[in-house]
Amino acid sequence: MKGYIQVYTGNGKGKTTAALGLALRAAGAGLKVYFAQFIKGMDYSELHSIKKLSENITLKQYGRECFIYKEPDKADVKEARNGFEEVSKIVLEGKHEIVVLDEINIAIYYKLISVAEVLELIDNKPENVELVLTGRNVDKKIIERADLVTEMKEIKHYYQNGIRARKGIES
């Protein structure tokens, strides 16, 4: 099966959730999925769900804490760099039919990973690997290279009323 490049972006909720839904569908079809979470290092409920599906889905975090509201420090850069090197090898091995680079667009935006490196990975991925890139602020060069781009548009969100992330819904 030919693998394509998918991008889930935008300011609306649901980018990671869409990628997780794809991973769940793929696992149900017997495909192998590698789900790499950049920037993230906190305990999210999906980590517990994925453990139950570990025969087909591997999830690994390449981050510490979410620094979205502050500048990344050297440790954040190191986590992302090491993660990208590891995930690049996994992509190039071609043993996983789907590889998700969750929040890679944010890692590019904060210059933890260069857009050139991600484009090189896209160009060199094996034919059978579906590559999914998530996160807001996607670079235009990634959009040009992608086969599918979905933008999650925020129309209204209860965060605006001070509602915090709820376990099992947003975290």
Protein backbone atom coordinates (compact mmCIF):
# COMPACT_ATOMS: atom_id res chain seq x y z
CA MET A 1 0.00 0.00 0.00
CA LYS A 2 1.30 3.47 -0.89
CA GLY A 3 1.90 5.78 2.03
CA TYR A 4 0.96 9.45 1.83
CA ILE A 5 1.72 12.60 3.81
CA GLN A 6 -1.11 13.85 6.04
CA VAL A 7 -1.16 17.11 8.02
CA TYR A 8 -3.59 18.03 10.81
CA THR A 9 -3.18 21.69 11.74
CA GLY A 10 -5.08 24.78 12.87
CA ASN A 11 -6.01 26.47 16.12
CA GLY A 12 -8.98 24.23 16.82
CA LYS A 13 -9.11 21.21 19.11
CA GLY A 14 -8.68 17.76 17.63
CA LYS A 15 -5.36 17.46 15.81
CA THR A 16 -3.82 14.83 18.07
CA THR A 17 -7.22 13.22 18.52
CA ALA A 18 -7.56 12.81 14.74
CA ALA A 19 -4.11 11.21 14.56
CA LEU A 20 -5.00 8.90 17.45
CA GLY A 21 -8.20 7.92 15.65
CA LEU A 22 -6.17 7.04 12.56
CA ALA A 23 -3.78 5.00 14.74
CA LEU A 24 -6.70 3.15 16.30
CA ARG A 25 -8.20 2.38 12.87
CA ALA A 26 -4.81 1.22 11.56
CA ALA A 27 -4.23 -1.04 14.58
CA GLY A 28 -7.64 -2.59 14.00
CA ALA A 29 -6.54 -3.40 10.46
CA GLY A 30 -3.35 -5.04 11.74
CA LEU A 31 -1.01 -2.22 10.70
CA LYS A 32 1.98 -1.18 12.80
CA VAL A 33 1.93 2.42 14.06
CA TYR A 34 4.67 4.51 15.67
CA PHE A 35 3.24 7.56 17.43
CA ALA A 36 5.95 10.10 18.33
CA GLN A 37 4.86 13.00 20.52
CA PHE A 38 7.14 16.02 20.28
CA ILE A 39 6.99 18.79 22.91
CA LYS A 40 4.79 16.61 25.14
CA GLY A 41 6.14 14.89 28.22
CA MET A 42 3.17 14.99 30.55
CA ASP A 43 0.82 12.16 31.47
CA TYR A 44 -2.13 12.14 29.08
CA SER A 45 -4.98 9.64 29.16
CA GLU A 46 -4.19 8.42 25.64
CA LEU A 47 -0.90 7.03 26.96
CA HIS A 48 -2.86 4.56 29.08
CA SER A 49 -5.14 3.57 26.19
CA ILE A 50 -2.25 3.02 23.80
CA LYS A 51 -0.54 0.68 26.29
CA LYS A 52 -3.53 -1.63 25.86
CA LEU A 53 -2.91 -1.65 22.09
CA SER A 54 0.87 -1.98 22.32
CA GLU A 55 0.92 -4.98 19.99
CA ASN A 56 0.28 -2.63 17.06
CA ILE A 57 0.86 0.90 18.38
CA THR A 58 4.03 2.23 19.96
CA LEU A 59 3.82 5.69 21.53
CA LYS A 60 6.86 7.55 22.77
CA GLN A 61 7.16 11.11 24.04
CA TYR A 62 10.06 13.37 23.07
CA GLY A 63 9.44 16.27 25.38
CA ARG A 64 9.41 17.31 28.99
CA GLU A 65 6.67 19.75 29.86
CA CYS A 66 4.57 21.75 27.50
CA PHE A 67 6.41 25.07 27.00
CA ILE A 68 3.93 26.60 24.57
CA TYR A 69 3.54 29.73 26.72
CA LYS A 70 7.28 30.25 27.23
CA GLU A 71 10.43 29.80 25.19
CA PRO A 72 11.95 26.32 25.00
CA ASP A 73 15.20 25.83 26.87
CA LYS A 74 18.27 23.73 25.97
CA ALA A 75 16.77 20.59 27.50
CA ASP A 76 13.65 20.98 25.32
CA VAL A 77 15.83 21.33 22.24
CA LYS A 78 17.85 18.25 23.20
CA GLU A 79 14.71 16.13 23.73
CA ALA A 80 13.30 17.16 20.36
CA ARG A 81 16.61 16.67 18.50
CA ASN A 82 17.18 13.21 20.00
CA GLY A 83 13.57 12.30 19.28
CA PHE A 84 13.74 13.43 15.67
CA GLU A 85 16.91 11.39 15.10
CA GLU A 86 15.28 8.31 16.60
CA VAL A 87 12.00 8.75 14.72
CA SER A 88 13.82 9.40 11.43
CA LYS A 89 15.52 6.01 11.75
CA ILE A 90 12.17 4.37 12.49
CA VAL A 91 10.59 6.00 9.42
CA LEU A 92 13.48 4.98 7.15
CA GLU A 93 13.38 1.37 8.42
CA GLY A 94 9.86 1.10 6.99
CA LYS A 95 8.66 -1.42 9.59
CA HIS A 96 5.74 0.78 10.68
CA GLU A 97 3.11 1.47 8.03
CA ILE A 98 2.07 4.66 9.84
CA VAL A 99 4.34 7.08 11.68
CA VAL A 100 2.76 10.05 13.47
CA LEU A 101 4.91 13.06 14.31
CA ASP A 102 2.55 14.66 16.80
CA GLU A 103 3.23 18.38 17.38
CA ILE A 104 6.12 18.36 14.90
CA ASN A 105 4.77 21.59 13.43
CA ILE A 106 5.21 23.27 16.83
CA ALA A 107 8.73 21.83 17.06
CA ILE A 108 9.47 23.42 13.68
CA TYR A 109 7.81 26.71 14.67
CA TYR A 110 10.02 26.94 17.78
CA LYS A 111 13.07 25.95 15.70
CA LEU A 112 13.73 22.75 17.65
CA ILE A 113 13.70 20.91 14.31
CA SER A 114 14.21 22.60 10.95
CA VAL A 115 11.63 22.46 8.20
CA ALA A 116 14.43 21.30 5.87
CA GLU A 117 15.01 18.23 8.05
CA VAL A 118 11.34 17.31 7.99
CA LEU A 119 11.12 17.84 4.23
CA GLU A 120 14.17 15.60 3.79
CA LEU A 121 12.47 12.92 5.88
CA ILE A 122 9.33 13.24 3.73
CA ASP A 123 11.42 12.92 0.56
CA ASN A 124 13.31 9.86 1.83
CA LYS A 125 10.52 7.93 3.53
CA PRO A 126 9.86 4.45 2.16
CA GLU A 127 6.95 4.20 -0.29
CA ASN A 128 4.84 2.15 2.15
CA VAL A 129 5.05 4.58 5.10
CA GLU A 130 2.13 6.94 5.80
CA LEU A 131 3.53 10.00 7.56
CA VAL A 132 1.20 12.12 9.71
CA LEU A 133 2.31 15.54 10.96
CA THR A 134 0.26 17.43 13.54
CA GLY A 135 0.35 20.79 15.25
CA ARG A 136 -0.62 24.37 14.62
CA ASN A 137 1.52 26.87 12.71
CA VAL A 138 2.41 24.45 9.92
CA ASP A 139 5.07 25.72 7.54
CA LYS A 140 3.86 26.46 3.99
CA LYS A 141 6.55 24.18 2.55
CA ILE A 142 5.06 21.24 4.48
CA ILE A 143 1.58 22.09 3.17
CA GLU A 144 2.94 22.11 -0.39
CA ARG A 145 4.54 18.68 0.06
CA ALA A 146 1.56 17.07 1.83
CA ASP A 147 -1.07 14.95 0.11
CA LEU A 148 -3.81 15.72 2.66
CA VAL A 149 -4.11 18.80 4.86
CA THR A 150 -6.91 19.23 7.38
CA GLU A 151 -7.28 22.46 9.32
CA MET A 152 -9.07 22.35 12.66
CA LYS A 153 -10.72 25.74 12.97
CA GLU A 154 -11.72 27.02 16.38
CA ILE A 155 -15.17 28.57 16.26
CA LYS A 156 -15.87 28.47 20.00
CA HIS A 157 -14.07 26.80 22.89
CA TYR A 158 -14.90 26.56 26.58
CA TYR A 159 -11.24 27.32 27.41
CA GLN A 160 -12.21 30.93 26.68
CA ASN A 161 -14.50 30.74 29.72
CA GLY A 162 -11.73 29.51 32.00
CA ILE A 163 -12.50 25.78 31.73
CA ARG A 164 -9.28 23.81 32.28
CA ALA A 165 -8.31 20.57 30.47
CA ARG A 166 -10.46 17.70 31.74
CA LYS A 167 -9.07 14.22 32.28
CA GLY A 168 -10.26 11.88 29.55
CA ILE A 169 -11.51 14.72 27.34
CA GLU A 170 -8.53 17.04 26.77
CA SER A 171 -5.84 15.33 28.82
